[in-house]
Protein backbone atom coordinates (compact mmCIF):
# COMPACT_ATOMS: atom_id res chain seq x y z
CA UNK A 1 -9.20 13.86 0.43
CA UNK A 2 -7.65 11.23 -1.49
CA UNK A 3 -9.16 8.10 -2.10
CA UNK A 4 -6.84 5.49 -0.32
CA UNK A 5 -9.13 2.76 0.32
CA UNK A 6 -7.64 0.76 -2.35
CA UNK A 7 -4.22 1.27 -1.01
CA UNK A 8 -2.27 -1.34 1.53
CA UNK A 9 -1.50 -0.93 4.91
CA UNK A 10 2.08 -0.87 5.04
CA UNK A 11 5.08 0.25 7.56
CA UNK A 12 5.58 3.26 7.04
CA UNK A 13 8.11 5.92 8.77
CA UNK A 14 9.06 10.19 8.13
CA UNK A 15 11.77 11.98 10.32
CA UNK A 16 11.33 15.19 9.88
CA UNK A 17 13.66 18.41 11.26
CA UNK A 18 13.25 21.75 12.51
CA UNK A 19 16.09 23.95 13.63
CA UNK A 20 15.93 27.05 15.80
CA UNK A 21 18.59 29.80 16.39
CA UNK A 22 18.95 32.22 19.24
CA UNK A 23 20.82 35.46 19.31
CA UNK A 24 21.15 35.40 23.00
CA UNK A 25 24.06 32.40 23.76
CA UNK A 26 22.89 32.44 26.93
CA UNK A 27 19.61 30.78 26.00
CA UNK A 28 20.78 27.38 25.74
CA UNK A 29 22.29 27.45 28.97
CA UNK A 30 19.61 28.44 30.72
CA UNK A 31 17.08 25.82 28.65
CA UNK A 32 20.14 22.89 30.31
CA UNK A 33 19.19 24.50 33.89
CA UNK A 34 15.39 24.61 33.46
CA UNK A 35 15.73 28.70 33.86
CA UNK A 36 13.37 29.54 31.64
CA UNK A 37 10.57 31.73 33.38
CA UNK A 38 7.70 29.76 31.36
CA UNK A 39 8.89 26.25 32.26
CA UNK A 40 10.76 23.18 31.17
CA UNK A 41 11.14 24.20 27.53
CA UNK A 42 12.19 20.57 25.99
CA UNK A 43 9.81 19.04 28.02
CA UNK A 44 6.83 21.50 27.28
CA UNK A 45 7.53 21.76 23.30
CA UNK A 46 7.99 17.83 22.99
CA UNK A 47 4.81 17.33 24.60
CA UNK A 48 3.29 19.56 21.99
CA UNK A 49 5.15 17.70 19.40
CA UNK A 50 3.29 14.76 20.65
CA UNK A 51 0.25 16.35 20.67
CA UNK A 52 0.76 17.53 17.02
CA UNK A 53 1.69 14.22 15.45
CA UNK A 54 -1.97 12.82 16.54
CA UNK A 55 -3.78 15.84 15.52
CA UNK A 56 -2.22 16.73 12.11
CA UNK A 57 -5.58 15.59 10.51
CA UNK A 58 -7.51 18.80 12.25
CA UNK A 59 -5.33 21.07 11.34
CA UNK A 60 -4.42 19.78 7.58
CA UNK A 61 -7.61 19.52 5.52
CA UNK A 62 -6.62 16.80 2.94
CA UNK A 63 -4.57 14.86 5.25
CA UNK A 64 -6.21 11.53 6.84
CA UNK A 65 -7.07 10.59 10.74
CA UNK A 66 -4.27 7.89 10.93
CA UNK A 67 -3.11 5.30 14.21
CA UNK A 68 0.12 6.25 14.66
CA UNK A 69 1.71 3.12 16.35
CA UNK A 70 5.31 5.41 17.24
CA UNK A 71 6.39 8.70 17.63
CA UNK A 72 10.05 9.99 19.10
CA UNK A 73 11.34 13.60 19.51
CA UNK A 74 14.85 14.25 20.17
CA UNK A 75 17.02 17.38 20.67
CA UNK A 76 20.33 18.50 19.66
CA UNK A 77 21.59 21.58 21.80
CA UNK A 78 24.20 23.58 20.30
CA UNK A 79 25.87 26.83 20.80
CA UNK A 80 23.28 29.10 19.69
CA UNK A 81 20.66 26.64 18.40
CA UNK A 82 18.44 23.64 18.88
CA UNK A 83 17.92 20.61 16.61
CA UNK A 84 14.44 19.22 16.51
CA UNK A 85 14.51 15.59 15.20
CA UNK A 86 10.92 14.01 14.84
CA UNK A 87 10.84 10.11 13.71
CA UNK A 88 6.79 8.71 13.33
CA UNK A 89 5.97 5.17 12.43
CA UNK A 90 2.70 3.71 11.51
CA UNK A 91 0.99 0.82 9.67
CA UNK A 92 -1.23 1.90 7.50
CA UNK A 93 -2.39 2.76 3.89
CA UNK A 94 -0.90 6.32 3.77
CA UNK A 95 2.32 7.96 4.72
CA UNK A 96 3.08 10.01 7.78
CA UNK A 97 5.75 12.72 6.37
CA UNK A 98 3.05 15.51 7.44
CA UNK A 99 2.66 14.49 10.77
CA UNK A 100 6.04 14.17 10.89
CA UNK A 101 7.01 18.11 9.78
CA UNK A 102 3.76 19.10 11.70
CA UNK A 103 5.15 17.71 14.90
CA UNK A 104 8.44 19.44 13.93
CA UNK A 105 7.05 22.68 13.00
CA UNK A 106 5.08 22.84 16.48
CA UNK A 107 7.78 21.96 18.64
CA UNK A 108 9.85 24.84 17.18
CA UNK A 109 6.95 27.18 17.19
CA UNK A 110 6.38 26.02 21.67
CA UNK A 111 10.30 26.65 22.00
CA UNK A 112 9.74 30.01 20.05
CA UNK A 113 7.10 31.31 21.94
CA UNK A 114 8.75 30.26 25.17
CA UNK A 115 12.12 32.05 24.59
CA UNK A 116 10.94 35.05 23.04
CA UNK A 117 10.25 36.82 26.05
CA UNK A 118 13.84 37.13 26.99
CA UNK A 119 15.61 36.74 23.30
CA UNK A 120 13.91 38.72 21.05
CA UNK A 121 16.28 37.43 18.02
CA UNK A 122 14.94 33.81 18.23
CA UNK A 123 14.10 32.57 14.63
CA UNK A 124 12.90 29.30 13.32
CA UNK A 125 15.28 28.67 10.53
CA UNK A 126 14.12 25.22 8.90
CA UNK A 127 11.38 22.94 8.94
CA UNK A 128 11.93 19.83 6.29
CA UNK A 129 11.70 16.61 5.55
CA UNK A 130 14.77 14.18 6.39
CA UNK A 131 13.52 10.89 5.39
CA UNK A 132 10.29 8.89 4.20
CA UNK A 133 9.89 4.95 4.08
CA UNK A 134 7.07 2.85 2.98
CA UNK A 135 4.14 2.35 0.71
CA UNK A 136 4.77 1.59 -3.16
CA UNK A 137 7.77 3.27 -3.70
CA UNK A 138 9.35 1.08 -1.31
CA UNK A 139 8.26 -2.01 -3.27
CA UNK A 140 10.48 -2.55 -6.36
CA UNK A 141 7.78 -4.24 -9.10
CA UNK A 142 9.80 -6.53 -11.13
CA UNK A 143 9.85 -5.34 -15.07
CA UNK A 144 11.04 -7.99 -17.57
CA UNK A 145 12.41 -7.04 -20.61
CA UNK A 146 9.52 -7.63 -22.12
CA UNK A 147 5.94 -7.19 -21.42
CA UNK A 148 3.91 -9.92 -19.64
CA UNK A 149 1.06 -11.37 -21.91
CA UNK A 150 -2.61 -12.25 -20.22
CA UNK A 151 -5.29 -14.43 -21.67
CA UNK A 152 -8.59 -13.77 -19.99
CA UNK A 153 -11.57 -15.97 -20.17
CA UNK A 154 -14.90 -15.71 -19.02
CA UNK A 155 -16.72 -18.30 -17.57
CA UNK A 156 -20.48 -18.08 -18.05
CA UNK A 157 -23.05 -19.56 -19.50
CA UNK A 158 -25.70 -17.05 -19.87
CA UNK A 159 -23.38 -14.59 -21.08
CA UNK A 160 -21.54 -17.12 -23.83
CA UNK A 161 -25.15 -16.92 -25.05
CA UNK A 162 -25.49 -13.07 -25.12
CA UNK A 163 -28.37 -13.06 -22.34
CA UNK A 164 -26.39 -11.13 -20.24
CA UNK A 165 -23.11 -8.51 -21.18
CA UNK A 166 -19.71 -8.96 -19.55
CA UNK A 167 -18.52 -6.56 -17.88
CA UNK A 168 -16.30 -8.31 -15.71
CA UNK A 169 -13.54 -9.13 -18.20
CA UNK A 170 -13.51 -6.14 -19.48
CA UNK A 171 -12.78 -4.26 -16.17
CA UNK A 172 -10.03 -6.69 -15.60
CA UNK A 173 -8.52 -6.37 -18.98
CA UNK A 174 -8.55 -2.45 -18.54
CA UNK A 175 -7.08 -3.17 -14.64
CA UNK A 176 -4.08 -5.13 -16.22
CA UNK A 177 -3.36 -2.72 -18.50
CA UNK A 178 -3.03 -0.30 -16.38
CA UNK A 179 0.06 -2.01 -15.14
CA UNK A 180 1.24 -2.59 -19.06
CA UNK A 181 0.21 -5.73 -19.25
CA UNK A 182 -0.73 -7.09 -22.35
CA UNK A 183 -3.99 -9.02 -23.35
CA UNK A 184 -3.26 -11.51 -25.84
CA UNK A 185 -6.56 -12.82 -26.06
CA UNK A 186 -9.71 -12.29 -24.37
CA UNK A 187 -12.69 -15.22 -24.92
CA UNK A 188 -16.31 -15.86 -23.35
CA UNK A 189 -17.25 -19.44 -22.95
CA UNK A 190 -19.77 -21.54 -20.85
CA UNK A 191 -18.12 -22.27 -17.20
CA UNK A 192 -17.29 -26.21 -18.81
CA UNK A 193 -14.77 -28.13 -16.53
CA UNK A 194 -13.01 -29.29 -19.98
CA UNK A 195 -13.22 -26.09 -21.45
CA UNK A 196 -11.70 -24.56 -18.85
CA UNK A 197 -8.57 -27.17 -18.47
CA UNK A 198 -8.15 -26.43 -22.27
CA UNK A 199 -7.80 -23.00 -21.80
CA UNK A 200 -4.60 -23.65 -19.52
CA UNK A 201 -3.31 -26.72 -21.66
CA UNK A 202 -3.19 -24.18 -25.24
CA UNK A 203 -2.15 -21.13 -24.06
CA UNK A 204 0.13 -21.71 -21.16
CA UNK A 205 3.22 -21.72 -23.29
CA UNK A 206 2.21 -18.20 -24.83
CA UNK A 207 1.00 -16.40 -22.01
CA UNK A 208 2.84 -15.27 -18.15
CA UNK A 209 -0.80 -15.39 -16.83
CA UNK A 210 -4.14 -16.87 -17.80
CA UNK A 211 -7.45 -14.98 -15.71
CA UNK A 212 -10.62 -16.51 -15.55
CA UNK A 213 -13.32 -14.75 -13.97
CA UNK A 214 -16.44 -16.39 -13.24
CA UNK A 215 -17.34 -20.07 -11.72
CA UNK A 216 -15.82 -19.80 -8.08
CA UNK A 217 -19.76 -19.61 -6.36
CA UNK A 218 -21.35 -22.90 -4.88
CA UNK A 219 -23.71 -23.44 -7.46
CA UNK A 220 -23.70 -26.52 -8.95
CA UNK A 221 -22.97 -25.15 -12.13
CA UNK A 222 -19.80 -23.06 -10.73
CA UNK A 223 -16.94 -25.28 -12.16
CA UNK A 224 -13.74 -23.29 -12.47
CA UNK A 225 -12.52 -23.48 -9.09
CA UNK A 226 -12.85 -27.34 -9.80
CA UNK A 227 -11.15 -27.57 -13.35
CA UNK A 228 -8.34 -24.99 -12.02
CA UNK A 229 -7.76 -27.76 -8.72
CA UNK A 230 -7.22 -30.38 -10.76
CA UNK A 231 -5.00 -29.05 -12.93
CA UNK A 232 -2.88 -26.37 -11.31
CA UNK A 233 0.73 -27.62 -10.17
CA UNK A 234 1.47 -25.45 -7.06
CA UNK A 235 -1.14 -23.52 -5.36
CA UNK A 236 -0.31 -20.12 -3.91
CA UNK A 237 -2.90 -19.94 -0.52
CA UNK A 238 -1.04 -16.71 0.44
CA UNK A 239 -2.86 -14.88 -2.46
CA UNK A 240 -5.99 -16.55 -2.29
CA UNK A 241 -6.05 -15.24 1.23
CA UNK A 242 -5.62 -11.80 0.21
CA UNK A 243 -8.07 -12.01 -2.45
CA UNK A 244 -10.58 -13.10 0.36
CA UNK A 245 -9.66 -10.53 2.95
CA UNK A 246 -9.61 -7.79 0.42
CA UNK A 247 -13.20 -8.87 -0.69
CA UNK A 248 -14.07 -9.24 2.93
CA UNK A 249 -13.38 -5.79 3.60
CA UNK A 250 -15.94 -4.40 1.30
CA UNK A 251 -18.42 -7.14 1.38
CA UNK A 252 -19.32 -9.95 3.73
CA UNK A 253 -20.19 -12.48 0.91
CA UNK A 254 -17.17 -12.18 -0.32
CA UNK A 255 -16.36 -15.00 1.85
CA UNK A 256 -18.28 -17.46 0.05
CA UNK A 257 -15.51 -16.88 -3.06
CA UNK A 258 -13.29 -19.72 -4.12
CA UNK A 259 -11.00 -17.87 -6.19
CA UNK A 260 -7.98 -20.05 -6.56
CA UNK A 261 -4.36 -19.07 -7.73
CA UNK A 262 -1.27 -21.07 -8.52
CA UNK A 263 1.20 -22.27 -11.27
CA UNK A 264 0.35 -24.66 -14.24
CA UNK A 265 4.23 -25.29 -15.19
CA UNK A 266 5.58 -21.55 -15.29
CA UNK A 267 2.26 -19.88 -15.97
CA UNK A 268 0.29 -17.89 -13.26
CA UNK A 269 -3.38 -19.20 -12.90
CA UNK A 270 -5.89 -17.19 -11.31
CA UNK A 271 -9.65 -18.06 -11.20
CA UNK A 272 -11.88 -14.99 -9.93
CA UNK A 273 -15.80 -14.14 -8.97
CA UNK A 274 -17.40 -12.83 -12.20
CA UNK A 275 -19.03 -10.26 -10.37
CA UNK A 276 -17.85 -6.81 -11.71
CA UNK A 277 -16.95 -5.50 -8.32
CA UNK A 278 -15.56 -8.98 -6.77
CA UNK A 279 -13.51 -9.59 -10.47
CA UNK A 280 -11.85 -5.47 -9.92
CA UNK A 281 -11.36 -5.80 -6.25
CA UNK A 282 -9.53 -8.73 -6.76
CA UNK A 283 -7.00 -7.78 -9.58
CA UNK A 284 -6.52 -4.72 -7.42
CA UNK A 285 -5.64 -6.35 -3.86
CA UNK A 286 -3.28 -8.69 -5.78
CA UNK A 287 -1.55 -6.09 -8.71
CA UNK A 288 1.18 -5.10 -8.96
CA UNK A 289 2.81 -7.28 -5.80
CA UNK A 290 2.18 -10.59 -6.99
CA UNK A 291 4.33 -9.37 -10.62
CA UNK A 292 6.98 -10.61 -8.44
CA UNK A 293 6.40 -14.10 -8.72
CA UNK A 294 8.08 -13.89 -12.12
CA UNK A 295 11.28 -12.41 -10.51
CA UNK A 296 11.12 -15.65 -8.45
CA UNK A 297 10.74 -18.21 -11.24
CA UNK A 298 13.18 -16.46 -12.92
CA UNK A 299 15.79 -17.50 -10.57
CA UNK A 300 17.04 -13.48 -9.93
CA UNK A 301 18.98 -13.03 -6.39
CA UNK A 302 17.46 -11.30 -4.20
CA UNK A 303 18.76 -8.39 -2.38
CA UNK A 304 19.82 -9.25 1.45
CA UNK A 305 16.47 -8.40 3.25
CA UNK A 306 14.19 -8.85 0.46
CA UNK A 307 11.31 -11.12 1.00
């Protein structure tokens, strides 16, 4: 199955349709009057569809087991056909279009099985996706006329002395480039209060964001958070919460990190852990969604209903 561990839970919805046609026009009346020998066609097929939604991953190899939040199945009876509409919702990391289509097909097959003894010309004409919502495609990432510029600082006494190799900073660069962000500079510095603040003051005018990795722990030499805290003009606690929550779901020690995010003037300042996994997961947790911040800073009017 596709790896979805780095995806976000979002509200996802899908609508699917199936159409069953009959050669015998009397079938519709028999269904309405509940006179089909095998039983109540609509109730039985609806029940089959509900089971199908919840068991899709047991039938389709690449489908993930999904916590289904809501399923509705409705019927439109016409002169010689039935149109089935299935609507499925979940709050999860992947969509429910296959679940909706699976249900629509099973509803149609159930109707077929119950009607075929009295109508040999019954056909399943259509099984299709009508609509799907949610996930990455539903959230437009702000695209400016120019590329965003990012300056990366690695704050580490041991790496600056050449005792260790930097991996976190390089991983951040790799991740940011995948979001089409330009790396204006990359620098390794000791975890010194003044050097960290100078890194912001000397570079904020020509960069959209300055990212510091390292120095967010609890030791006496972890100065990054304190240095940025006294400089940042506007904290963004929601982003900090997301970083810690994302890390906590993967490793319990993430709760000890003092990641910090905020604004200095209109430059985004980010301080995240110095471990390779900590830095990587922090970037994964907030990009590209945090780029919406620049739309807000540019004063662009939001569409109705957008947050």
